Amino acid sequence: MDYNASLILPLLTLVAWTLVMWLWMYATRIPAILAMKMELDPNAPAGTQMAQLPPNVRWKADNYNHLLEQPVLFYALMLALTQLGANGPLPLILAWSYVLLRIVHSLVQVLINRIEWRFVVFVLSTLPLFGLTGYGLALALVRA
């Protein structure tokens, strides 16, 4: 197995999941806006109109935004590790752990939104980022 090339697969999987969440967000948001007969006001302060939507509709948008926050670190790490020629199972296991935990986080947030569960999954998903960062730093220092 080419571990270096396979580090791109978890990256692409998380991008694909983010796009799934984008679709899910609009698949729930647009019908809710239509059902409420909401008139979209370009002069309304950001977020005030969307705050009127039911919570289970807003959760999808919240999660989509979350997938555009911390995962940026993951994307940068995957590209850096690929450039450094990372190989072996450790970075691959950490990468897939991060992706799977982020998907679990999404499902918890958009389906039941139990904050304490979300927090636990968020913390667990951050641990692979620490591991990937340490691995990348060690690899960069050895190759410098």
Protein backbone atom coordinates (compact mmCIF):
# COMPACT_ATOMS: atom_id res chain seq x y z
CA MET A 1 0.00 0.00 0.00
CA ASP A 2 1.26 3.48 -0.87
CA TYR A 3 0.64 5.10 2.52
CA ASN A 4 1.71 8.51 1.25
CA ALA A 5 -0.86 8.61 -1.56
CA SER A 6 -3.51 7.05 0.67
CA LEU A 7 -3.34 10.05 3.05
CA ILE A 8 -5.25 11.97 0.39
CA LEU A 9 -8.24 9.61 0.66
CA PRO A 10 -9.24 10.65 4.22
CA LEU A 11 -8.85 14.29 3.16
CA LEU A 12 -11.14 13.81 0.16
CA THR A 13 -13.59 11.82 2.30
CA LEU A 14 -13.94 14.72 4.73
CA VAL A 15 -14.40 17.15 1.84
CA ALA A 16 -17.13 14.87 0.45
CA TRP A 17 -18.79 14.67 3.89
CA THR A 18 -18.74 18.46 4.13
CA LEU A 19 -20.53 18.64 0.79
CA VAL A 20 -23.09 16.08 2.01
CA MET A 21 -23.74 18.36 4.98
CA TRP A 22 -24.10 21.32 2.59
CA LEU A 23 -26.77 19.42 0.66
CA TRP A 24 -28.51 18.34 3.87
CA MET A 25 -28.44 21.94 5.15
CA TYR A 26 -30.20 23.31 2.09
CA ALA A 27 -32.52 20.32 1.78
CA THR A 28 -33.92 21.29 5.19
CA ARG A 29 -33.39 25.06 5.16
CA ILE A 30 -35.17 25.89 1.90
CA PRO A 31 -38.38 23.97 2.74
CA ALA A 32 -38.39 25.57 6.21
CA ILE A 33 -38.01 29.07 4.73
CA LEU A 34 -40.84 28.36 2.29
CA ALA A 35 -43.10 26.86 4.97
CA MET A 36 -42.58 29.94 7.17
CA LYS A 37 -43.18 32.22 4.17
CA MET A 38 -40.07 34.06 5.28
CA GLU A 39 -39.21 37.13 3.23
CA LEU A 40 -35.44 37.30 2.96
CA ASP A 41 -34.23 40.76 3.90
CA PRO A 42 -30.75 41.73 2.66
CA ASN A 43 -30.68 44.54 5.25
CA ALA A 44 -31.27 42.25 8.24
CA PRO A 45 -28.21 41.75 10.44
CA ALA A 46 -26.33 38.52 9.64
CA GLY A 47 -27.96 35.47 11.17
CA THR A 48 -31.11 37.13 12.49
CA GLN A 49 -33.44 35.64 9.91
CA MET A 50 -31.91 32.17 10.02
CA ALA A 51 -32.26 32.26 13.83
CA GLN A 52 -36.03 32.13 13.25
CA LEU A 53 -35.77 28.66 11.70
CA PRO A 54 -36.54 25.59 13.83
CA PRO A 55 -33.54 24.32 15.83
CA ASN A 56 -33.31 21.00 13.95
CA VAL A 57 -32.93 23.00 10.72
CA ARG A 58 -30.30 25.33 12.18
CA TRP A 59 -28.25 22.39 13.49
CA LYS A 60 -27.32 21.39 9.93
CA ALA A 61 -25.98 24.87 9.16
CA ASP A 62 -24.14 24.96 12.48
CA ASN A 63 -22.48 21.67 11.66
CA TYR A 64 -21.59 22.75 8.15
CA ASN A 65 -19.86 25.79 9.66
CA HIS A 66 -18.03 23.54 12.13
CA LEU A 67 -16.77 21.44 9.23
CA LEU A 68 -15.17 24.58 7.83
CA GLU A 69 -13.37 25.44 11.07
CA GLN A 70 -11.10 22.87 12.76
CA PRO A 71 -10.87 20.55 9.73
CA VAL A 72 -8.78 23.24 8.03
CA LEU A 73 -5.96 22.07 10.31
CA PHE A 74 -6.55 18.50 9.18
CA TYR A 75 -6.41 19.47 5.51
CA ALA A 76 -3.15 21.35 6.03
CA LEU A 77 -1.68 18.43 7.97
CA MET A 78 -2.61 15.90 5.31
CA LEU A 79 -1.05 18.00 2.57
CA ALA A 80 2.07 18.65 4.65
CA LEU A 81 2.46 14.97 5.51
CA THR A 82 2.03 14.03 1.87
CA GLN A 83 4.71 16.56 0.89
CA LEU A 84 7.02 15.20 3.59
CA GLY A 85 6.59 11.68 2.23
CA ALA A 86 4.89 10.34 5.36
CA ASN A 87 4.46 6.59 5.26
CA GLY A 88 3.45 3.77 7.52
CA PRO A 89 0.18 2.96 9.17
CA LEU A 90 0.29 5.51 12.04
CA PRO A 91 -0.60 8.67 10.10
CA LEU A 92 -3.20 6.75 8.12
CA ILE A 93 -4.85 5.40 11.27
CA LEU A 94 -4.83 8.86 12.84
CA ALA A 95 -6.23 10.45 9.68
CA TRP A 96 -9.11 7.98 9.37
CA SER A 97 -9.79 8.28 13.12
CA TYR A 98 -10.17 12.02 12.71
CA VAL A 99 -12.49 11.71 9.70
CA LEU A 100 -14.70 9.06 11.29
CA LEU A 101 -14.97 11.00 14.55
CA ARG A 102 -15.89 14.17 12.65
CA ILE A 103 -18.65 12.27 10.85
CA VAL A 104 -19.91 10.96 14.20
CA HIS A 105 -19.78 14.53 15.54
CA SER A 106 -21.87 15.70 12.59
CA LEU A 107 -24.47 13.00 13.10
CA VAL A 108 -24.75 13.73 16.82
CA GLN A 109 -25.14 17.44 16.12
CA VAL A 110 -27.66 17.26 13.29
CA LEU A 111 -29.80 14.44 14.64
CA ILE A 112 -29.98 14.91 18.42
CA ASN A 113 -27.64 17.80 19.27
CA ARG A 114 -26.75 16.58 22.75
CA ILE A 115 -24.05 19.10 23.62
CA GLU A 116 -22.26 16.89 26.12
CA TRP A 117 -22.01 14.07 23.55
CA ARG A 118 -20.85 16.50 20.89
CA PHE A 119 -18.17 17.80 23.24
CA VAL A 120 -16.83 14.32 23.98
CA VAL A 121 -16.68 13.43 20.28
CA PHE A 122 -15.10 16.80 19.49
CA VAL A 123 -12.37 16.27 22.08
CA LEU A 124 -11.78 12.71 20.87
CA SER A 125 -11.56 13.93 17.27
CA THR A 126 -8.98 16.54 18.26
CA LEU A 127 -6.60 13.92 19.68
CA PRO A 128 -5.64 12.55 16.23
CA LEU A 129 -4.80 16.13 15.19
CA PHE A 130 -2.29 16.32 18.02
CA GLY A 131 -0.85 12.98 16.94
CA LEU A 132 -0.65 14.01 13.28
CA THR A 133 0.96 17.32 14.22
CA GLY A 134 3.58 15.60 16.38
CA TYR A 135 4.25 13.06 13.66
CA GLY A 136 4.60 15.80 11.06
CA LEU A 137 6.90 17.91 13.21
CA ALA A 138 9.14 14.90 13.95
CA LEU A 139 9.24 13.99 10.28
CA ALA A 140 10.04 17.54 9.23
CA LEU A 141 12.81 17.82 11.81
CA VAL A 142 14.39 14.54 10.71
CA ARG A 143 14.23 15.58 7.04
CA ALA A 144 15.39 19.17 7.60
